[in-house]
Each structure stands twice: as structure tokens, then as C-alpha cells.
C-alpha atoms as a PDB file:
ATOM      1  CA  ARG A   1     132.284  61.258  56.797  1.00  0.00           C
ATOM      2  CA  LEU A   2     132.988  64.322  54.627  1.00  0.00           C
ATOM      3  CA  THR A   3     133.283  67.764  56.131  1.00  0.00           C
ATOM      4  CA  VAL A   4     131.200  70.611  54.754  1.00  0.00           C
ATOM      5  CA  SER A   5     134.385  72.330  53.565  1.00  0.00           C
ATOM      6  CA  GLU A   6     135.456  69.162  51.666  1.00  0.00           C
ATOM      7  CA  VAL A   7     132.061  68.959  49.951  1.00  0.00           C
ATOM      8  CA  GLN A   8     132.284  72.645  49.011  1.00  0.00           C
ATOM      9  CA  ARG A   9     135.835  72.141  47.653  1.00  0.00           C
ATOM     10  CA  ARG A  10     134.629  69.246  45.512  1.00  0.00           C
ATOM     11  CA  TRP A  11     131.792  71.360  44.089  1.00  0.00           C
ATOM     12  CA  THR A  12     134.195  74.238  43.403  1.00  0.00           C
ATOM     13  CA  ASP A  13     136.468  71.772  41.555  1.00  0.00           C
ATOM     14  CA  GLY A  14     133.557  70.838  39.263  1.00  0.00           C
ATOM     15  CA  HIS A  15     132.577  67.534  40.887  1.00  0.00           C
ATOM     16  CA  GLN A  16     128.918  66.590  41.066  1.00  0.00           C
ATOM     17  CA  ALA A  17     127.387  64.770  44.019  1.00  0.00           C
ATOM     18  CA  TYR A  18     124.654  62.164  43.599  1.00  0.00           C
ATOM     19  CA  VAL A  19     122.681  60.972  46.614  1.00  0.00           C
ATOM     20  CA  GLY A  20     120.256  58.071  46.789  1.00  0.00           C
ATOM     21  CA  TYR A  21     117.320  58.398  49.169  1.00  0.00           C
ATOM     22  CA  LEU A  22     114.943  55.815  50.633  1.00  0.00           C
ATOM     23  CA  ASP A  23     111.919  56.984  52.589  1.00  0.00           C
ATOM     24  CA  GLY A  24     113.339  60.512  52.551  1.00  0.00           C
ATOM     25  CA  GLN A  25     116.642  59.448  54.135  1.00  0.00           C
ATOM     26  CA  PRO A  26     120.005  59.642  52.316  1.00  0.00           C
ATOM     27  CA  VAL A  27     121.426  56.104  52.186  1.00  0.00           C
ATOM     28  CA  THR A  28     124.027  56.130  49.395  1.00  0.00           C
ATOM     29  CA  TYR A  29     126.136  58.636  47.502  1.00  0.00           C
ATOM     30  CA  GLY A  30     128.773  58.973  44.800  1.00  0.00           C
ATOM     31  CA  TRP A  31     130.738  61.690  43.026  1.00  0.00           C
ATOM     32  CA  VAL A  32     131.268  62.449  39.348  1.00  0.00           C
ATOM     33  CA  ALA A  33     134.352  64.362  38.224  1.00  0.00           C
ATOM     34  CA  THR A  34     133.698  66.616  35.237  1.00  0.00           C
ATOM     35  CA  ARG A  35     137.029  68.423  34.700  1.00  0.00           C
ATOM     36  CA  ARG A  36     139.874  66.790  36.650  1.00  0.00           C
ATOM     37  CA  ALA A  37     140.256  63.692  38.762  1.00  0.00           C
ATOM     38  CA  ALA A  38     142.872  62.151  40.997  1.00  0.00           C
ATOM     39  CA  ILE A  39     143.467  58.631  42.238  1.00  0.00           C
ATOM     40  CA  GLY A  40     145.630  59.222  45.283  1.00  0.00           C
ATOM     41  CA  GLU A  41     146.474  55.560  45.879  1.00  0.00           C
ATOM     42  CA  LEU A  42     147.998  55.397  42.402  1.00  0.00           C
ATOM     43  CA  ALA A  43     149.498  58.903  42.380  1.00  0.00           C
ATOM     44  CA  LEU A  44     147.495  59.713  39.243  1.00  0.00           C
ATOM     45  CA  ASP A  45     146.059  63.139  38.487  1.00  0.00           C
ATOM     46  CA  PHE A  46     144.418  63.662  35.120  1.00  0.00           C
ATOM     47  CA  ALA A  47     142.281  66.064  33.117  1.00  0.00           C
ATOM     48  CA  LEU A  48     138.992  64.848  31.703  1.00  0.00           C
ATOM     49  CA  PRO A  49     137.983  65.637  28.138  1.00  0.00           C
ATOM     50  CA  PRO A  50     134.614  67.445  27.987  1.00  0.00           C
ATOM     51  CA  SER A  51     132.998  64.217  26.718  1.00  0.00           C
ATOM     52  CA  ASP A  52     134.243  62.043  29.633  1.00  0.00           C
ATOM     53  CA  ARG A  53     133.292  61.683  33.277  1.00  0.00           C
ATOM     54  CA  TYR A  54     135.040  59.834  36.100  1.00  0.00           C
ATOM     55  CA  LEU A  55     132.895  58.278  38.848  1.00  0.00           C
ATOM     56  CA  TRP A  56     134.471  58.043  42.305  1.00  0.00           C
ATOM     57  CA  ASP A  57     134.020  57.914  46.086  1.00  0.00           C
ATOM     58  CA  PHE A  58     130.849  55.849  46.429  1.00  0.00           C
ATOM     59  CA  ALA A  59     129.438  54.674  49.734  1.00  0.00           C
ATOM     60  CA  THR A  60     126.257  53.131  51.084  1.00  0.00           C
ATOM     61  CA  LEU A  61     125.340  53.229  54.763  1.00  0.00           C
ATOM     62  CA  PRO A  62     126.105  49.794  56.275  1.00  0.00           C
ATOM     63  CA  VAL A  63     122.488  48.969  57.194  1.00  0.00           C
ATOM     64  CA  TRP A  64     121.475  49.517  53.546  1.00  0.00           C
ATOM     65  CA  GLN A  65     124.301  47.548  51.903  1.00  0.00           C
ATOM     66  CA  GLY A  66     123.479  44.417  49.929  1.00  0.00           C
ATOM     67  CA  ARG A  67     120.180  45.774  48.594  1.00  0.00           C
ATOM     68  CA  GLY A  68     121.353  46.766  45.109  1.00  0.00           C
ATOM     69  CA  LEU A  69     121.485  50.498  45.787  1.00  0.00           C
ATOM     70  CA  TYR A  70     124.975  50.994  44.360  1.00  0.00           C
ATOM     71  CA  PRO A  71     124.169  49.706  40.847  1.00  0.00           C
ATOM     72  CA  ARG A  72     120.925  51.690  40.887  1.00  0.00           C
ATOM     73  CA  LEU A  73     122.816  54.858  41.782  1.00  0.00           C
ATOM     74  CA  LEU A  74     125.312  54.150  38.979  1.00  0.00           C
ATOM     75  CA  GLN A  75     122.431  53.642  36.529  1.00  0.00           C
ATOM     76  CA  ALA A  76     120.834  56.908  37.658  1.00  0.00           C
ATOM     77  CA  ILE A  77     124.124  58.725  37.062  1.00  0.00           C
ATOM     78  CA  VAL A  78     124.404  57.188  33.585  1.00  0.00           C
ATOM     79  CA  ALA A  79     120.815  58.191  32.794  1.00  0.00           C
ATOM     80  CA  ALA A  80     121.416  61.762  34.038  1.00  0.00           C
ATOM     81  CA  ALA A  81     124.597  62.252  31.988  1.00  0.00           C
ATOM     82  CA  PRO A  82     124.308  65.088  29.464  1.00  0.00           C
ATOM     83  CA  ALA A  83     123.887  64.041  25.823  1.00  0.00           C
ATOM     84  CA  ASP A  84     127.408  65.215  24.952  1.00  0.00           C
ATOM     85  CA  VAL A  85     129.017  62.818  27.463  1.00  0.00           C
ATOM     86  CA  GLN A  86     130.372  59.835  25.535  1.00  0.00           C
ATOM     87  CA  ARG A  87     132.320  57.909  28.193  1.00  0.00           C
ATOM     88  CA  LEU A  88     131.924  57.235  31.885  1.00  0.00           C
ATOM     89  CA  TRP A  89     134.895  55.707  33.734  1.00  0.00           C
ATOM     90  CA  ILE A  90     135.104  54.022  37.124  1.00  0.00           C
ATOM     91  CA  ILE A  91     137.812  52.039  38.945  1.00  0.00           C
ATOM     92  CA  HIS A  92     137.695  49.352  41.621  1.00  0.00           C
ATOM     93  CA  ALA A  93     140.210  47.126  43.356  1.00  0.00           C
ATOM     94  CA  PRO A  94     139.555  43.444  42.548  1.00  0.00           C
ATOM     95  CA  GLU A  95     139.345  42.502  46.231  1.00  0.00           C
ATOM     96  CA  ASN A  96     136.358  44.866  46.480  1.00  0.00           C
ATOM     97  CA  LEU A  97     133.983  42.284  45.058  1.00  0.00           C
ATOM     98  CA  PRO A  98     130.778  44.187  45.925  1.00  0.00           C
ATOM     99  CA  SER A  99     131.987  47.239  44.008  1.00  0.00           C
ATOM    100  CA  GLY A 100     132.934  45.177  40.952  1.00  0.00           C
ATOM    101  CA  ALA A 101     129.606  43.322  41.034  1.00  0.00           C
ATOM    102  CA  GLY A 102     127.685  46.601  41.336  1.00  0.00           C
ATOM    103  CA  MET A 103     129.524  48.073  38.358  1.00  0.00           C
ATOM    104  CA  HIS A 104     128.779  44.989  36.278  1.00  0.00           C
ATOM    105  CA  LYS A 105     125.083  45.072  37.263  1.00  0.00           C
ATOM    106  CA  ALA A 106     124.957  48.737  36.229  1.00  0.00           C
ATOM    107  CA  GLY A 107     126.310  47.870  32.766  1.00  0.00           C
ATOM    108  CA  PHE A 108     129.984  48.799  33.084  1.00  0.00           C
ATOM    109  CA  GLU A 109     132.496  46.495  31.407  1.00  0.00           C
ATOM    110  CA  PRO A 110     136.161  46.030  32.341  1.00  0.00           C
ATOM    111  CA  VAL A 111     138.476  47.889  29.997  1.00  0.00           C
ATOM    112  CA  GLY A 112     141.835  47.052  31.530  1.00  0.00           C
ATOM    113  CA  GLN A 113     143.742  46.081  34.617  1.00  0.00           C
ATOM    114  CA  LEU A 114     146.115  48.577  36.131  1.00  0.00           C
ATOM    115  CA  SER A 115     149.528  47.099  36.842  1.00  0.00           C
ATOM    116  CA  PHE A 116     152.263  48.388  39.085  1.00  0.00           C
ATOM    117  CA  ARG A 117     155.403  48.197  36.942  1.00  0.00           C
ATOM    118  CA  ALA A 118     158.650  46.790  38.280  1.00  0.00           C
ATOM    119  CA  ALA A 119     160.475  50.000  37.374  1.00  0.00           C
ATOM    120  CA  GLY A 120     157.824  52.058  39.157  1.00  0.00           C
ATOM    121  CA  GLY A 121     154.654  53.710  37.986  1.00  0.00           C
ATOM    122  CA  VAL A 122     151.361  52.409  36.726  1.00  0.00           C
ATOM    123  CA  ALA A 123     150.420  50.917  33.347  1.00  0.00           C
ATOM    124  CA  LEU A 124     147.203  49.461  31.895  1.00  0.00           C
ATOM    125  CA  ALA A 125     146.857  45.942  30.453  1.00  0.00           C
ATOM    126  CA  PRO A 126     143.800  45.532  28.173  1.00  0.00           C
ATOM    127  CA  LEU A 127     140.927  43.259  29.208  1.00  0.00           C
ATOM    128  CA  GLY A 128     139.029  43.283  25.938  1.00  0.00           C
ATOM    129  CA  ALA A 129     138.926  45.677  23.028  1.00  0.00           C
ATOM    130  CA  GLU A 130     142.327  47.327  22.782  1.00  0.00           C
ATOM    131  CA  GLU A 131     140.788  50.578  21.483  1.00  0.00           C
ATOM    132  CA  ARG A 132     138.844  51.033  24.723  1.00  0.00           C
ATOM    133  CA  ALA A 133     141.906  50.172  26.806  1.00  0.00           C
ATOM    134  CA  GLN A 134     143.962  52.662  24.795  1.00  0.00           C
ATOM    135  CA  ALA A 135     141.368  55.354  25.504  1.00  0.00           C
ATOM    136  CA  GLY A 136     141.552  54.504  29.218  1.00  0.00           C
ATOM    137  CA  ALA A 137     145.358  54.581  29.228  1.00  0.00           C
ATOM    138  CA  GLU A 138     145.334  57.954  27.468  1.00  0.00           C
ATOM    139  CA  LEU A 139     142.808  59.322  29.954  1.00  0.00           C
ATOM    140  CA  LEU A 140     144.925  58.246  32.936  1.00  0.00           C
ATOM    141  CA  GLY A 141     148.203  59.231  31.280  1.00  0.00           C
ATOM    142  CA  VAL A 142     149.713  55.754  31.658  1.00  0.00           C
ATOM    143  CA  PRO A 143     151.233  53.413  29.077  1.00  0.00           C
ATOM    144  CA  LEU A 144     149.301  50.500  27.608  1.00  0.00           C
ATOM    145  CA  ILE A 145     151.077  47.170  28.115  1.00  0.00           C
ATOM    146  CA  ASP A 146     150.491  43.620  26.885  1.00  0.00           C
ATOM    147  CA  THR A 147     150.319  41.857  30.241  1.00  0.00           C
ATOM    148  CA  VAL A 148     150.180  42.659  33.928  1.00  0.00           C
ATOM    149  CA  LEU A 149     153.783  43.113  35.040  1.00  0.00           C
ATOM    150  CA  ALA A 150     153.410  43.066  38.820  1.00  0.00           C
ATOM    151  CA  PRO A 151     150.158  42.488  40.686  1.00  0.00           C
ATOM    152  CA  CYS A 152     150.911  44.770  43.634  1.00  0.00           C
ATOM    153  CA  TRP A 153     153.331  47.324  45.091  1.00  0.00           C
ATOM    154  CA  THR A 154     155.072  44.600  47.094  1.00  0.00           C
ATOM    155  CA  CYS A 155     155.691  42.565  43.958  1.00  0.00           C
ATOM    156  CA  SER A 156     156.796  45.686  42.124  1.00  0.00           C
ATOM    157  CA  ALA A 157     159.491  46.419  44.700  1.00  0.00           C
ATOM    158  CA  ALA A 158     160.591  42.788  44.772  1.00  0.00           C
ATOM    159  CA  ALA A 159     160.765  42.614  40.987  1.00  0.00           C
ATOM    160  CA  GLU A 160     162.871  45.757  40.870  1.00  0.00           C
ATOM    161  CA  ALA A 161     165.500  44.216  43.148  1.00  0.00           C
ATOM    162  CA  GLN A 162     165.417  40.642  41.819  1.00  0.00           C
ATOM    163  CA  SER A 163     164.651  38.627  38.730  1.00  0.00           C
ATOM    164  CA  ALA A 164     160.978  38.149  37.924  1.00  0.00           C
ATOM    165  CA  GLU A 165     161.255  34.419  38.718  1.00  0.00           C
ATOM    166  CA  THR A 166     162.716  35.055  42.170  1.00  0.00           C
ATOM    167  CA  ALA A 167     160.176  37.808  42.841  1.00  0.00           C
ATOM    168  CA  ALA A 168     157.339  35.487  41.859  1.00  0.00           C
ATOM    169  CA  GLU A 169     158.451  32.962  44.473  1.00  0.00           C
ATOM    170  CA  LYS A 170     159.067  35.428  47.333  1.00  0.00           C
ATOM    171  CA  CYS A 171     156.261  37.874  46.768  1.00  0.00           C
ATOM    172  CA  TRP A 172     152.681  37.579  47.913  1.00  0.00           C
ATOM    173  CA  PRO A 173     150.537  37.442  45.924  1.00  0.00           C
ATOM    174  CA  PRO A 174     152.735  35.511  43.518  1.00  0.00           C
ATOM    175  CA  VAL A 175     152.912  36.674  39.930  1.00  0.00           C
ATOM    176  CA  ARG A 176     151.619  33.280  38.742  1.00  0.00           C
ATOM    177  CA  PRO A 177     147.980  32.271  39.440  1.00  0.00           C
ATOM    178  CA  THR A 178     147.158  31.029  42.927  1.00  0.00           C
ATOM    179  CA  GLU A 179     144.196  29.894  44.984  1.00  0.00           C
ATOM    180  CA  ARG A 180     145.225  32.020  48.003  1.00  0.00           C
ATOM    181  CA  GLN A 181     143.631  35.410  48.556  1.00  0.00           C
ATOM    182  CA  CYS A 182     145.722  38.533  48.224  1.00  0.00           C
ATOM    183  CA  THR A 183     146.897  39.970  51.533  1.00  0.00           C
ATOM    184  CA  CYS A 184     148.384  43.194  50.193  1.00  0.00           C
ATOM    185  CA  ALA A 185     147.533  45.953  47.720  1.00  0.00           C
ATOM    186  CA  SER A 186     146.074  44.578  44.507  1.00  0.00           C
ATOM    187  CA  PRO A 187     145.769  45.895  40.976  1.00  0.00           C
ATOM    188  CA  VAL A 188     142.654  47.849  40.188  1.00  0.00           C
ATOM    189  CA  ARG A 189     140.400  47.622  37.171  1.00  0.00           C
ATOM    190  CA  LEU A 190     139.325  50.469  35.000  1.00  0.00           C
ATOM    191  CA  SER A 191     135.825  50.058  33.630  1.00  0.00           C
ATOM    192  CA  GLY A 192     133.933  52.149  31.162  1.00  0.00           C
ATOM    193  CA  LEU A 193     130.484  52.532  29.759  1.00  0.00           C
END
């Protein structure tokens, strides 16, 4: 789905492509940012320290999905990382269960949950060791917060205009826990290795 010019632009920008083959056919791919990365959905653009990498834009051809290729590709990328690389980062939306499961199988652990703040912008709530979450927040250039403030953009806008209690009742997904599945944009998780 990428044009040749887009692939060339990514290489020029310092990104590295990894492709998984089966029987000589390319079936899965992913990109590794080495200098700069952007997360368009979150309006984040950030520089990477020389010792960090950001993994992004992974896909597996539909007929090959469900065979464990994604975690194997992630593991191959980890194994191929230069010795001076200390951290590898990757993000997934929680509704993308296959992506989260693949990251976990590859050895990545959640660092924090990105939250859309009521006043606008993104912040990171720790999901474990605060030092790792702080490193992730610094990488992304977002503040570290104690708890998730708003689980989606819809809730963020509602919370800005109303009290948190009113927003929690009118917004889907609600701020409080629920059994219903999210029907709008959800927070994403930053994971690291």
C-alpha cells in the first residue's frame, strides 16, 4: 500500500524497513525510526536519542495473519538492533488486541497509557515502573500524570465543556469502568523493551 516515493522518503528520513518472508514471498513488514518519529493521530513529532528506536507501521498480509508472524518480526528487529541501542518503543491502541498480544509475545511490556487531557493535548499515565514511564513521557514530549484523565477525544471535549461527573455520564466510553466496548477513539499504550 506504500508508494515507491513514500518508501524512499522514509529511507531518506533514516527509517529502516524490515520484511518477513515465507517461501520467498514477503508477507509482513514493519518500520523502525532511528532519528525522528511522528504519531499523526496524536499530533506528536519527536526526536529519538541515538540509543532509542521507535517501531511503527506494521502489517501482515491478511491470508498470513494469525500465524504469529508479527511477534517473530518484532523479535527479529530486537535481535538485529545495534549494541548501542538501549530502548525500543512501540505504541498500540487497546482495541487493536492482535497488536497488543503480538507485542507481549515478543517481550514488550506496557510502560504507560496515553491519555487525552480535558484541556487538550496528550499525557502519559504510568502502567508500572514510574522511571520507565518517565522515560517514555520525555521521549514523546508529553507530561507524566497520575491517572488517565479522559479515555478518548470525545470524552476530552465533553470534559472541557462540562464537569468530569457530567462528562462521565454523557460520554462514550464512560470515564468509569464498563463492560461495553469502546465505539470511538481510545487511548493508546506505549510499550518498551
